[in-house]
Amino acid sequence: MAFNSNAEEIKQRILCVKQNDFENLTLQIFQYQANNNVIYKHFLDLLKIHPSDVVHVSDIPFLPIALFKQHAIKTGTWEAEIRFTSSGTTGQTPSTHHIRNLNFYLTAARQGFEGFYGSVEEYCFLALLPSYLERSGSSLIAMVDAFIQRSKYKESGFFLYDFDALAQQLQSCIQANIPTVLIGVSFALLDFAEQYPMDLSKVIIMETGGMKGKRKELIRKELHEQLGQAFQQRSIHSEYGMTELLSQAYAMGGERFLPSSTMRILISDITDPRSFLPDERTGKINVIDLANFDSCSFIATEDLGKRWQDGSFEILGRVDNSDLRGCNLMVEVLN
């Protein structure tokens, strides 16, 4: 399949992609990346797959996400406007995502949010993201900062560890009937919930996951129960994203995430990454992220989950021994 349009035209198609055009656009992007992304092309060569062999979305091989730790994953030749890095843990090599155009990411992220919640301008965003604010290169901080800047409410802003100021701002927004989103990393939301339990039933509380070694790991249901009890909330929202992706998914109460319009999920057999499972079967999450046009749109994550018929998906944990042998083989060959 020829890739006849130039990159900017394709990017515009990505931002306004419709469900009935998703597969066609996905296959076009695959062909482009298979021929212009050095790392992805080498990966396909190792698998002995020629781009012409791929005629259906289910034929597409997904690049192991760990390769973002060793290589600059780029489609084409260009200099990065910004580099996003993962937080990781002490002693681990962080992932690095080279971003060609920051505004494209921010536009895709905003449209992804607005597809579920409506206009960003209409919300006050209060962000409790200390572990991300305390380092550079966070894609989440870039996204939330763009939301804050776009919001029509001057009350929007970041809060580091000043829980008292956050509590006062929340109460002020509630009293003024301002639609408010409290978005936070899990450990900080739990700390805040323990110290300042209050009625936040009129606030959208959105956790982004992550204990960052600060607290005991909890399954999402336990986390939501604790936050819900402290804040008198029947449903806690969740955001699913990562350094290596430019699209996000959202769970608006409950366990199932809905991917944004530029994102789709496939579930593969844990022991056979080329074998995709039917709906409601547990396996490894693979992400088609059309917004990753300039890097790689086909990412094999290290998350365990299942997909449902409506395209929603659940996160059930991490795959054990997540440094897959196929990934290690590729690293050895490329080095």
C-alpha atoms as a PDB file:
ATOM      1  CA  MET A   1       0.000   0.000   0.000  1.00  0.00           C
ATOM      2  CA  ALA A   2       1.518   3.299  -1.096  1.00  0.00           C
ATOM      3  CA  PHE A   3       1.923   6.169   1.312  1.00  0.00           C
ATOM      4  CA  ASN A   4       0.978   8.922  -1.096  1.00  0.00           C
ATOM      5  CA  SER A   5       0.157  11.786   1.254  1.00  0.00           C
ATOM      6  CA  ASN A   6       2.800  13.892   2.938  1.00  0.00           C
ATOM      7  CA  ALA A   7       3.364  13.728   6.656  1.00  0.00           C
ATOM      8  CA  GLU A   8       1.406  16.859   7.576  1.00  0.00           C
ATOM      9  CA  GLU A   9      -1.655  15.688   5.665  1.00  0.00           C
ATOM     10  CA  ILE A  10      -1.510  12.338   7.432  1.00  0.00           C
ATOM     11  CA  LYS A  11      -1.196  14.059  10.799  1.00  0.00           C
ATOM     12  CA  GLN A  12      -4.352  16.018  10.099  1.00  0.00           C
ATOM     13  CA  ARG A  13      -6.122  12.768   9.226  1.00  0.00           C
ATOM     14  CA  ILE A  14      -4.906  11.291  12.509  1.00  0.00           C
ATOM     15  CA  LEU A  15      -6.374  14.149  14.540  1.00  0.00           C
ATOM     16  CA  CYS A  16      -9.801  13.750  12.931  1.00  0.00           C
ATOM     17  CA  VAL A  17      -9.769   9.982  12.302  1.00  0.00           C
ATOM     18  CA  LYS A  18     -13.142   8.259  12.233  1.00  0.00           C
ATOM     19  CA  GLN A  19     -13.785   4.680  13.236  1.00  0.00           C
ATOM     20  CA  ASN A  20     -14.463   3.585   9.659  1.00  0.00           C
ATOM     21  CA  ASP A  21     -11.101   4.997   8.505  1.00  0.00           C
ATOM     22  CA  PHE A  22      -9.005   3.756  11.435  1.00  0.00           C
ATOM     23  CA  GLU A  23      -7.872   0.460   9.891  1.00  0.00           C
ATOM     24  CA  ASN A  24      -7.018   1.990   6.520  1.00  0.00           C
ATOM     25  CA  LEU A  25      -5.012   4.777   8.136  1.00  0.00           C
ATOM     26  CA  THR A  26      -3.302   2.290  10.463  1.00  0.00           C
ATOM     27  CA  LEU A  27      -2.099   0.199   7.524  1.00  0.00           C
ATOM     28  CA  GLN A  28      -0.823   3.281   5.697  1.00  0.00           C
ATOM     29  CA  ILE A  29       1.119   4.381   8.760  1.00  0.00           C
ATOM     30  CA  PHE A  30       2.522   0.877   9.186  1.00  0.00           C
ATOM     31  CA  GLN A  31       3.887   0.902   5.639  1.00  0.00           C
ATOM     32  CA  TYR A  32       5.435   4.318   6.179  1.00  0.00           C
ATOM     33  CA  GLN A  33       7.067   3.378   9.472  1.00  0.00           C
ATOM     34  CA  ALA A  34       8.201  -0.023   8.226  1.00  0.00           C
ATOM     35  CA  ASN A  35      10.197   1.726   5.512  1.00  0.00           C
ATOM     36  CA  ASN A  36      11.355   4.847   7.349  1.00  0.00           C
ATOM     37  CA  ASN A  37      11.941   3.812  10.970  1.00  0.00           C
ATOM     38  CA  VAL A  38      15.376   2.203  11.282  1.00  0.00           C
ATOM     39  CA  ILE A  39      14.677   0.407  14.563  1.00  0.00           C
ATOM     40  CA  TYR A  40      11.243  -0.840  13.549  1.00  0.00           C
ATOM     41  CA  LYS A  41      12.532  -1.955  10.146  1.00  0.00           C
ATOM     42  CA  HIS A  42      15.317  -3.918  11.824  1.00  0.00           C
ATOM     43  CA  PHE A  43      12.772  -5.479  14.158  1.00  0.00           C
ATOM     44  CA  LEU A  44      10.691  -6.606  11.179  1.00  0.00           C
ATOM     45  CA  ASP A  45      13.809  -8.010   9.510  1.00  0.00           C
ATOM     46  CA  LEU A  46      14.564 -10.068  12.626  1.00  0.00           C
ATOM     47  CA  LEU A  47      11.048 -11.472  12.452  1.00  0.00           C
ATOM     48  CA  LYS A  48      11.525 -12.098   8.706  1.00  0.00           C
ATOM     49  CA  ILE A  49       8.467  -9.999   7.911  1.00  0.00           C
ATOM     50  CA  HIS A  50       8.354  -7.893   4.769  1.00  0.00           C
ATOM     51  CA  PRO A  51       5.996  -4.887   4.800  1.00  0.00           C
ATOM     52  CA  SER A  52       4.122  -6.369   1.854  1.00  0.00           C
ATOM     53  CA  ASP A  53       3.225  -9.355   4.070  1.00  0.00           C
ATOM     54  CA  VAL A  54       1.034  -7.102   6.227  1.00  0.00           C
ATOM     55  CA  VAL A  55      -2.450  -6.718   4.756  1.00  0.00           C
ATOM     56  CA  HIS A  56      -4.567  -6.672   7.922  1.00  0.00           C
ATOM     57  CA  VAL A  57      -4.123  -4.844  11.215  1.00  0.00           C
ATOM     58  CA  SER A  58      -3.764  -8.218  12.955  1.00  0.00           C
ATOM     59  CA  ASP A  59      -0.667  -8.883  10.795  1.00  0.00           C
ATOM     60  CA  ILE A  60       1.223  -5.924  12.259  1.00  0.00           C
ATOM     61  CA  PRO A  61       4.086  -6.778  14.661  1.00  0.00           C
ATOM     62  CA  PHE A  62       4.250  -4.639  17.810  1.00  0.00           C
ATOM     63  CA  LEU A  63       7.588  -3.200  18.904  1.00  0.00           C
ATOM     64  CA  PRO A  64       8.628  -4.165  22.472  1.00  0.00           C
ATOM     65  CA  ILE A  65       8.266  -1.074  24.618  1.00  0.00           C
ATOM     66  CA  ALA A  66      11.617  -1.735  26.344  1.00  0.00           C
ATOM     67  CA  LEU A  67      13.427  -0.596  23.194  1.00  0.00           C
ATOM     68  CA  PHE A  68      12.605   3.000  24.125  1.00  0.00           C
ATOM     69  CA  LYS A  69      15.186   2.510  26.892  1.00  0.00           C
ATOM     70  CA  GLN A  70      18.037   1.710  24.489  1.00  0.00           C
ATOM     71  CA  HIS A  71      17.253   3.524  21.252  1.00  0.00           C
ATOM     72  CA  ALA A  72      15.877   6.722  19.770  1.00  0.00           C
ATOM     73  CA  ILE A  73      12.705   5.455  18.115  1.00  0.00           C
ATOM     74  CA  LYS A  74      12.190   7.798  15.164  1.00  0.00           C
ATOM     75  CA  THR A  75      10.433   7.533  11.827  1.00  0.00           C
ATOM     76  CA  GLY A  76      12.455   9.643   9.427  1.00  0.00           C
ATOM     77  CA  THR A  77      15.357  11.973  10.153  1.00  0.00           C
ATOM     78  CA  TRP A  78      14.675  14.953  12.375  1.00  0.00           C
ATOM     79  CA  GLU A  79      15.729  16.672  15.592  1.00  0.00           C
ATOM     80  CA  ALA A  80      13.483  16.351  18.627  1.00  0.00           C
ATOM     81  CA  GLU A  81      11.725  19.475  19.873  1.00  0.00           C
ATOM     82  CA  ILE A  82      11.459  17.834  23.309  1.00  0.00           C
ATOM     83  CA  ARG A  83      12.252  14.478  24.911  1.00  0.00           C
ATOM     84  CA  PHE A  84       9.847  12.825  27.294  1.00  0.00           C
ATOM     85  CA  THR A  85      11.368  10.469  29.855  1.00  0.00           C
ATOM     86  CA  SER A  86       9.836   7.928  32.199  1.00  0.00           C
ATOM     87  CA  SER A  87      10.259   8.221  35.936  1.00  0.00           C
ATOM     88  CA  GLY A  88      11.383   4.616  36.475  1.00  0.00           C
ATOM     89  CA  THR A  89      12.937   3.529  39.747  1.00  0.00           C
ATOM     90  CA  THR A  90      16.429   3.876  41.144  1.00  0.00           C
ATOM     91  CA  GLY A  91      18.945   1.937  39.068  1.00  0.00           C
ATOM     92  CA  GLN A  92      16.624   1.473  36.095  1.00  0.00           C
ATOM     93  CA  THR A  93      17.229   2.958  32.668  1.00  0.00           C
ATOM     94  CA  PRO A  94      14.398   5.384  31.857  1.00  0.00           C
ATOM     95  CA  SER A  95      12.510   5.267  28.588  1.00  0.00           C
ATOM     96  CA  THR A  96      12.975   8.234  26.275  1.00  0.00           C
ATOM     97  CA  HIS A  97      10.407   9.309  23.715  1.00  0.00           C
ATOM     98  CA  HIS A  98      11.752  11.755  21.132  1.00  0.00           C
ATOM     99  CA  ILE A  99       9.002  14.196  20.160  1.00  0.00           C
ATOM    100  CA  ARG A 100       9.214  15.918  16.802  1.00  0.00           C
ATOM    101  CA  ASN A 101       6.383  18.376  17.410  1.00  0.00           C
ATOM    102  CA  LEU A 102       5.158  19.160  20.922  1.00  0.00           C
ATOM    103  CA  ASN A 103       2.039  20.956  19.715  1.00  0.00           C
ATOM    104  CA  PHE A 104       0.896  17.853  17.812  1.00  0.00           C
ATOM    105  CA  TYR A 105       1.086  15.814  21.015  1.00  0.00           C
ATOM    106  CA  LEU A 106      -0.749  18.437  23.031  1.00  0.00           C
ATOM    107  CA  THR A 107      -3.480  18.720  20.387  1.00  0.00           C
ATOM    108  CA  ALA A 108      -3.949  14.949  20.250  1.00  0.00           C
ATOM    109  CA  ALA A 109      -4.033  14.749  24.062  1.00  0.00           C
ATOM    110  CA  ARG A 110      -6.554  17.570  24.356  1.00  0.00           C
ATOM    111  CA  GLN A 111      -8.820  16.063  21.708  1.00  0.00           C
ATOM    112  CA  GLY A 112      -8.548  12.705  23.450  1.00  0.00           C
ATOM    113  CA  PHE A 113      -9.742  14.214  26.729  1.00  0.00           C
ATOM    114  CA  GLU A 114     -12.478  16.235  25.062  1.00  0.00           C
ATOM    115  CA  GLY A 115     -13.827  13.158  23.300  1.00  0.00           C
ATOM    116  CA  PHE A 116     -14.988  11.918  26.711  1.00  0.00           C
ATOM    117  CA  TYR A 117     -15.386  14.998  28.904  1.00  0.00           C
ATOM    118  CA  GLY A 118     -16.092  17.935  26.618  1.00  0.00           C
ATOM    119  CA  SER A 119     -14.146  21.160  26.223  1.00  0.00           C
ATOM    120  CA  VAL A 120     -11.006  21.578  28.336  1.00  0.00           C
ATOM    121  CA  GLU A 121     -11.821  25.270  28.656  1.00  0.00           C
ATOM    122  CA  GLU A 122     -14.898  24.472  30.746  1.00  0.00           C
ATOM    123  CA  TYR A 123     -13.004  22.769  33.590  1.00  0.00           C
ATOM    124  CA  CYS A 124     -10.830  23.947  36.430  1.00  0.00           C
ATOM    125  CA  PHE A 125      -7.850  21.583  36.680  1.00  0.00           C
ATOM    126  CA  LEU A 126      -6.223  21.054  40.062  1.00  0.00           C
ATOM    127  CA  ALA A 127      -3.172  18.840  39.658  1.00  0.00           C
ATOM    128  CA  LEU A 128      -1.558  16.837  42.471  1.00  0.00           C
ATOM    129  CA  LEU A 129       1.436  15.340  40.668  1.00  0.00           C
ATOM    130  CA  PRO A 130       4.456  15.790  42.964  1.00  0.00           C
ATOM    131  CA  SER A 131       6.618  12.956  41.659  1.00  0.00           C
ATOM    132  CA  TYR A 132       6.227  14.266  38.116  1.00  0.00           C
ATOM    133  CA  LEU A 133       6.739  17.943  38.986  1.00  0.00           C
ATOM    134  CA  GLU A 134       9.980  17.105  40.768  1.00  0.00           C
ATOM    135  CA  ARG A 135      11.684  15.927  37.596  1.00  0.00           C
ATOM    136  CA  SER A 136      11.926  17.104  33.996  1.00  0.00           C
ATOM    137  CA  GLY A 137      10.642  15.430  30.862  1.00  0.00           C
ATOM    138  CA  SER A 138       7.188  14.292  32.011  1.00  0.00           C
ATOM    139  CA  SER A 139       4.620  13.961  29.214  1.00  0.00           C
ATOM    140  CA  LEU A 140       1.844  13.987  31.831  1.00  0.00           C
ATOM    141  CA  ILE A 141       2.996  17.340  33.205  1.00  0.00           C
ATOM    142  CA  ALA A 142       3.148  18.758  29.670  1.00  0.00           C
ATOM    143  CA  MET A 143      -0.404  17.583  28.998  1.00  0.00           C
ATOM    144  CA  VAL A 144      -1.903  18.809  32.275  1.00  0.00           C
ATOM    145  CA  ASP A 145      -0.065  22.130  32.026  1.00  0.00           C
ATOM    146  CA  ALA A 146      -1.582  22.627  28.568  1.00  0.00           C
ATOM    147  CA  PHE A 147      -5.030  21.899  30.025  1.00  0.00           C
ATOM    148  CA  ILE A 148      -4.439  24.378  32.844  1.00  0.00           C
ATOM    149  CA  GLN A 149      -3.307  27.073  30.409  1.00  0.00           C
ATOM    150  CA  ARG A 150      -6.364  26.493  28.226  1.00  0.00           C
ATOM    151  CA  SER A 151      -8.873  26.460  31.094  1.00  0.00           C
ATOM    152  CA  LYS A 152     -10.950  29.589  31.496  1.00  0.00           C
ATOM    153  CA  TYR A 153     -10.669  29.295  35.276  1.00  0.00           C
ATOM    154  CA  LYS A 154      -7.794  31.165  36.917  1.00  0.00           C
ATOM    155  CA  GLU A 155      -8.146  28.809  39.894  1.00  0.00           C
ATOM    156  CA  SER A 156      -6.468  26.015  37.875  1.00  0.00           C
ATOM    157  CA  GLY A 157      -2.956  25.060  38.875  1.00  0.00           C
ATOM    158  CA  PHE A 158      -0.432  22.573  40.247  1.00  0.00           C
ATOM    159  CA  PHE A 159      -0.079  21.697  43.915  1.00  0.00           C
ATOM    160  CA  LEU A 160       3.096  20.064  45.169  1.00  0.00           C
ATOM    161  CA  TYR A 161       2.706  19.110  48.825  1.00  0.00           C
ATOM    162  CA  ASP A 162       0.565  22.044  49.943  1.00  0.00           C
ATOM    163  CA  PHE A 163      -2.513  20.005  50.842  1.00  0.00           C
ATOM    164  CA  ASP A 164      -4.027  22.854  52.820  1.00  0.00           C
ATOM    165  CA  ALA A 165      -4.027  25.159  49.783  1.00  0.00           C
ATOM    166  CA  LEU A 166      -5.449  22.368  47.632  1.00  0.00           C
ATOM    167  CA  ALA A 167      -8.250  21.692  50.109  1.00  0.00           C
ATOM    168  CA  GLN A 168      -9.146  25.384  50.214  1.00  0.00           C
ATOM    169  CA  GLN A 169      -9.147  25.628  46.418  1.00  0.00           C
ATOM    170  CA  LEU A 170     -11.383  22.585  46.093  1.00  0.00           C
ATOM    171  CA  GLN A 171     -13.893  24.000  48.575  1.00  0.00           C
ATOM    172  CA  SER A 172     -13.841  27.341  46.792  1.00  0.00           C
ATOM    173  CA  CYS A 173     -14.521  25.706  43.418  1.00  0.00           C
ATOM    174  CA  ILE A 174     -17.360  23.633  44.854  1.00  0.00           C
ATOM    175  CA  GLN A 175     -18.979  26.677  46.465  1.00  0.00           C
ATOM    176  CA  ALA A 176     -18.699  28.598  43.175  1.00  0.00           C
ATOM    177  CA  ASN A 177     -20.156  25.642  41.190  1.00  0.00           C
ATOM    178  CA  ILE A 178     -17.039  25.455  39.014  1.00  0.00           C
ATOM    179  CA  PRO A 179     -16.685  22.144  37.135  1.00  0.00           C
ATOM    180  CA  THR A 180     -13.458  20.781  38.590  1.00  0.00           C
ATOM    181  CA  VAL A 181     -11.060  17.950  37.824  1.00  0.00           C
ATOM    182  CA  LEU A 182      -8.672  16.844  40.560  1.00  0.00           C
ATOM    183  CA  ILE A 183      -6.010  14.840  38.762  1.00  0.00           C
ATOM    184  CA  GLY A 184      -3.308  13.161  40.784  1.00  0.00           C
ATOM    185  CA  VAL A 185      -0.793  10.380  41.115  1.00  0.00           C
ATOM    186  CA  SER A 186      -2.153   7.593  43.297  1.00  0.00           C
ATOM    187  CA  PHE A 187       0.143   7.910  46.318  1.00  0.00           C
ATOM    188  CA  ALA A 188      -0.420  11.669  46.586  1.00  0.00           C
ATOM    189  CA  LEU A 189      -4.193  11.310  46.312  1.00  0.00           C
ATOM    190  CA  LEU A 190      -4.115   8.723  49.108  1.00  0.00           C
ATOM    191  CA  ASP A 191      -1.973  10.987  51.292  1.00  0.00           C
ATOM    192  CA  PHE A 192      -4.369  13.859  50.667  1.00  0.00           C
ATOM    193  CA  ALA A 193      -7.400  11.626  51.354  1.00  0.00           C
ATOM    194  CA  GLU A 194      -5.996  10.561  54.728  1.00  0.00           C
ATOM    195  CA  GLN A 195      -5.169  14.097  55.838  1.00  0.00           C
ATOM    196  CA  TYR A 196      -8.094  15.975  54.289  1.00  0.00           C
ATOM    197  CA  PRO A 197     -11.144  13.736  53.894  1.00  0.00           C
ATOM    198  CA  MET A 198     -14.000  15.840  52.547  1.00  0.00           C
ATOM    199  CA  ASP A 199     -17.089  15.799  50.365  1.00  0.00           C
ATOM    200  CA  LEU A 200     -15.819  15.917  46.772  1.00  0.00           C
ATOM    201  CA  SER A 201     -18.912  14.324  45.275  1.00  0.00           C
ATOM    202  CA  LYS A 202     -19.191  17.225  42.798  1.00  0.00           C
ATOM    203  CA  VAL A 203     -15.563  16.930  41.666  1.00  0.00           C
ATOM    204  CA  ILE A 204     -14.129  14.604  39.021  1.00  0.00           C
ATOM    205  CA  ILE A 205     -11.306  12.774  40.809  1.00  0.00           C
ATOM    206  CA  MET A 206      -8.899  11.257  38.285  1.00  0.00           C
ATOM    207  CA  GLU A 207      -5.995   9.043  39.300  1.00  0.00           C
ATOM    208  CA  THR A 208      -3.097   8.437  36.953  1.00  0.00           C
ATOM    209  CA  GLY A 209      -1.783   5.351  38.769  1.00  0.00           C
ATOM    210  CA  GLY A 210       1.590   4.975  40.391  1.00  0.00           C
ATOM    211  CA  MET A 211       2.770   4.603  43.956  1.00  0.00           C
ATOM    212  CA  LYS A 212       6.327   5.495  42.868  1.00  0.00           C
ATOM    213  CA  GLY A 213       7.703   3.481  45.780  1.00  0.00           C
ATOM    214  CA  LYS A 214       6.005   5.837  48.244  1.00  0.00           C
ATOM    215  CA  ARG A 215       3.266   3.467  49.423  1.00  0.00           C
ATOM    216  CA  LYS A 216       2.169  -0.144  49.224  1.00  0.00           C
ATOM    217  CA  GLU A 217       0.912  -1.094  45.777  1.00  0.00           C
ATOM    218  CA  LEU A 218      -2.861  -1.515  45.565  1.00  0.00           C
ATOM    219  CA  ILE A 219      -5.075  -2.988  42.905  1.00  0.00           C
ATOM    220  CA  ARG A 220      -7.208  -0.313  41.239  1.00  0.00           C
ATOM    221  CA  LYS A 221     -10.411  -1.456  42.962  1.00  0.00           C
ATOM    222  CA  GLU A 222      -8.830  -1.041  46.418  1.00  0.00           C
ATOM    223  CA  LEU A 223      -7.423   2.354  45.496  1.00  0.00           C
ATOM    224  CA  HIS A 224     -10.804   3.558  44.269  1.00  0.00           C
ATOM    225  CA  GLU A 225     -12.577   2.252  47.356  1.00  0.00           C
ATOM    226  CA  GLN A 226     -10.236   4.151  49.663  1.00  0.00           C
ATOM    227  CA  LEU A 227     -10.463   7.368  47.664  1.00  0.00           C
ATOM    228  CA  GLY A 228     -14.220   7.025  47.263  1.00  0.00           C
ATOM    229  CA  GLN A 229     -14.765   6.587  50.981  1.00  0.00           C
ATOM    230  CA  ALA A 230     -12.574   9.548  51.931  1.00  0.00           C
ATOM    231  CA  PHE A 231     -14.060  11.876  49.319  1.00  0.00           C
ATOM    232  CA  GLN A 232     -17.670  10.626  49.366  1.00  0.00           C
ATOM    233  CA  GLN A 233     -17.341   9.713  45.704  1.00  0.00           C
ATOM    234  CA  ARG A 234     -19.242   6.868  44.062  1.00  0.00           C
ATOM    235  CA  SER A 235     -16.874   6.714  41.078  1.00  0.00           C
ATOM    236  CA  ILE A 236     -13.177   7.512  40.676  1.00  0.00           C
ATOM    237  CA  HIS A 237     -11.895   8.206  37.188  1.00  0.00           C
ATOM    238  CA  SER A 238      -8.578   6.962  35.768  1.00  0.00           C
ATOM    239  CA  GLU A 239      -6.187   8.012  33.020  1.00  0.00           C
ATOM    240  CA  TYR A 240      -4.052   5.459  31.173  1.00  0.00           C
ATOM    241  CA  GLY A 241      -0.998   6.804  29.412  1.00  0.00           C
ATOM    242  CA  MET A 242       2.748   6.407  29.361  1.00  0.00           C
ATOM    243  CA  THR A 243       5.931   8.061  28.174  1.00  0.00           C
ATOM    244  CA  GLU A 244       6.074   5.903  25.056  1.00  0.00           C
ATOM    245  CA  LEU A 245       2.530   6.790  23.938  1.00  0.00           C
ATOM    246  CA  LEU A 246       1.030  10.085  22.814  1.00  0.00           C
ATOM    247  CA  SER A 247      -2.598   8.942  23.152  1.00  0.00           C
ATOM    248  CA  GLN A 248      -4.480   8.254  26.363  1.00  0.00           C
ATOM    249  CA  ALA A 249      -7.407   6.157  27.542  1.00  0.00           C
ATOM    250  CA  TYR A 250      -9.873   7.056  30.285  1.00  0.00           C
ATOM    251  CA  ALA A 251     -11.990   5.093  32.735  1.00  0.00           C
ATOM    252  CA  MET A 252     -14.911   7.236  33.878  1.00  0.00           C
ATOM    253  CA  GLY A 253     -15.662   5.212  36.975  1.00  0.00           C
ATOM    254  CA  GLY A 254     -15.158   1.464  37.053  1.00  0.00           C
ATOM    255  CA  GLU A 255     -12.418  -0.825  35.784  1.00  0.00           C
ATOM    256  CA  ARG A 256     -12.727  -0.431  32.013  1.00  0.00           C
ATOM    257  CA  PHE A 257     -10.742   2.099  30.025  1.00  0.00           C
ATOM    258  CA  LEU A 258     -11.997   3.554  26.759  1.00  0.00           C
ATOM    259  CA  PRO A 259      -9.247   4.448  24.274  1.00  0.00           C
ATOM    260  CA  SER A 260      -9.257   7.848  22.607  1.00  0.00           C
ATOM    261  CA  SER A 261     -10.025   8.050  18.879  1.00  0.00           C
ATOM    262  CA  THR A 262      -6.332   7.740  17.912  1.00  0.00           C
ATOM    263  CA  MET A 263      -5.797   4.590  19.982  1.00  0.00           C
ATOM    264  CA  ARG A 264      -6.799   0.916  19.781  1.00  0.00           C
ATOM    265  CA  ILE A 265      -5.948  -2.092  21.942  1.00  0.00           C
ATOM    266  CA  LEU A 266      -5.120  -5.650  20.894  1.00  0.00           C
ATOM    267  CA  ILE A 267      -4.443  -8.470  23.341  1.00  0.00           C
ATOM    268  CA  SER A 268      -1.761 -11.026  22.509  1.00  0.00           C
ATOM    269  CA  ASP A 269      -0.911 -14.398  23.971  1.00  0.00           C
ATOM    270  CA  ILE A 270       1.771 -13.960  26.643  1.00  0.00           C
ATOM    271  CA  THR A 271       3.851 -16.799  25.199  1.00  0.00           C
ATOM    272  CA  ASP A 272       3.301 -15.842  21.540  1.00  0.00           C
ATOM    273  CA  PRO A 273       3.301 -12.099  20.799  1.00  0.00           C
ATOM    274  CA  ARG A 274       2.147 -12.660  17.202  1.00  0.00           C
ATOM    275  CA  SER A 275      -0.988 -14.512  18.311  1.00  0.00           C
ATOM    276  CA  PHE A 276      -3.886 -12.196  19.177  1.00  0.00           C
ATOM    277  CA  LEU A 277      -6.639 -13.313  21.516  1.00  0.00           C
ATOM    278  CA  PRO A 278     -10.409 -12.895  21.207  1.00  0.00           C
ATOM    279  CA  ASP A 279     -12.298 -10.507  23.465  1.00  0.00           C
ATOM    280  CA  GLU A 280     -12.481 -11.158  27.210  1.00  0.00           C
ATOM    281  CA  ARG A 281      -9.312 -13.264  27.224  1.00  0.00           C
ATOM    282  CA  THR A 282      -6.382 -12.216  29.402  1.00  0.00           C
ATOM    283  CA  GLY A 283      -3.065 -11.485  27.722  1.00  0.00           C
ATOM    284  CA  LYS A 284      -0.508  -8.782  26.987  1.00  0.00           C
ATOM    285  CA  ILE A 285      -1.714  -5.335  25.970  1.00  0.00           C
ATOM    286  CA  ASN A 286      -0.594  -4.045  22.583  1.00  0.00           C
ATOM    287  CA  VAL A 287      -1.378  -0.462  21.616  1.00  0.00           C
ATOM    288  CA  ILE A 288      -2.001   1.063  18.214  1.00  0.00           C
ATOM    289  CA  ASP A 289      -1.284   4.753  18.768  1.00  0.00           C
ATOM    290  CA  LEU A 290      -1.730   6.726  15.557  1.00  0.00           C
ATOM    291  CA  ALA A 291      -0.461   9.868  17.314  1.00  0.00           C
ATOM    292  CA  ASN A 292       2.941   8.132  17.521  1.00  0.00           C
ATOM    293  CA  PHE A 293       3.317   8.853  13.813  1.00  0.00           C
ATOM    294  CA  ASP A 294       6.861  10.235  14.167  1.00  0.00           C
ATOM    295  CA  SER A 295       8.079   7.426  16.445  1.00  0.00           C
ATOM    296  CA  CYS A 296       6.292   4.047  16.291  1.00  0.00           C
ATOM    297  CA  SER A 297       2.536   3.524  16.339  1.00  0.00           C
ATOM    298  CA  PHE A 298       2.674  -0.159  17.288  1.00  0.00           C
ATOM    299  CA  ILE A 299       3.784  -0.773  20.867  1.00  0.00           C
ATOM    300  CA  ALA A 300       3.840  -4.034  22.828  1.00  0.00           C
ATOM    301  CA  THR A 301       3.482  -2.937  26.447  1.00  0.00           C
ATOM    302  CA  GLU A 302       4.396  -4.901  29.565  1.00  0.00           C
ATOM    303  CA  ASP A 303       0.854  -4.603  30.925  1.00  0.00           C
ATOM    304  CA  LEU A 304      -1.486  -7.528  31.401  1.00  0.00           C
ATOM    305  CA  GLY A 305      -5.148  -7.057  30.554  1.00  0.00           C
ATOM    306  CA  LYS A 306      -8.200  -7.964  28.539  1.00  0.00           C
ATOM    307  CA  ARG A 307     -10.302  -6.245  25.910  1.00  0.00           C
ATOM    308  CA  TRP A 308     -14.068  -6.151  25.587  1.00  0.00           C
ATOM    309  CA  GLN A 309     -16.280  -6.160  22.503  1.00  0.00           C
ATOM    310  CA  ASP A 310     -16.910  -2.408  22.645  1.00  0.00           C
ATOM    311  CA  GLY A 311     -13.155  -1.716  22.466  1.00  0.00           C
ATOM    312  CA  SER A 312     -12.784  -0.962  26.164  1.00  0.00           C
ATOM    313  CA  PHE A 313     -10.068  -2.729  28.130  1.00  0.00           C
ATOM    314  CA  GLU A 314      -8.953  -3.553  31.658  1.00  0.00           C
ATOM    315  CA  ILE A 315      -5.483  -3.402  33.207  1.00  0.00           C
ATOM    316  CA  LEU A 316      -4.846  -6.462  35.367  1.00  0.00           C
ATOM    317  CA  GLY A 317      -1.198  -5.991  36.286  1.00  0.00           C
ATOM    318  CA  ARG A 318       2.254  -6.411  34.789  1.00  0.00           C
ATOM    319  CA  VAL A 319       3.614  -9.311  32.772  1.00  0.00           C
ATOM    320  CA  ASP A 320       6.167 -11.301  34.786  1.00  0.00           C
ATOM    321  CA  ASN A 321       9.726 -11.334  33.394  1.00  0.00           C
ATOM    322  CA  SER A 322       8.747  -8.444  31.172  1.00  0.00           C
ATOM    323  CA  ASP A 323      12.153  -8.202  29.454  1.00  0.00           C
ATOM    324  CA  LEU A 324      11.083 -10.570  26.705  1.00  0.00           C
ATOM    325  CA  ARG A 325      13.690 -12.658  24.948  1.00  0.00           C
ATOM    326  CA  GLY A 326      12.695 -11.241  21.567  1.00  0.00           C
ATOM    327  CA  CYS A 327      13.445  -7.763  22.828  1.00  0.00           C
ATOM    328  CA  ASN A 328      16.801  -8.836  24.291  1.00  0.00           C
ATOM    329  CA  LEU A 329      17.717 -10.495  21.011  1.00  0.00           C
ATOM    330  CA  MET A 330      17.054  -7.308  19.141  1.00  0.00           C
ATOM    331  CA  VAL A 331      19.085  -5.221  21.574  1.00  0.00           C
ATOM    332  CA  GLU A 332      22.014  -7.592  21.120  1.00  0.00           C
ATOM    333  CA  VAL A 333      21.789  -7.440  17.337  1.00  0.00           C
ATOM    334  CA  LEU A 334      21.487  -3.639  17.209  1.00  0.00           C
ATOM    335  CA  ASN A 335      24.386  -3.173  19.610  1.00  0.00           C
END
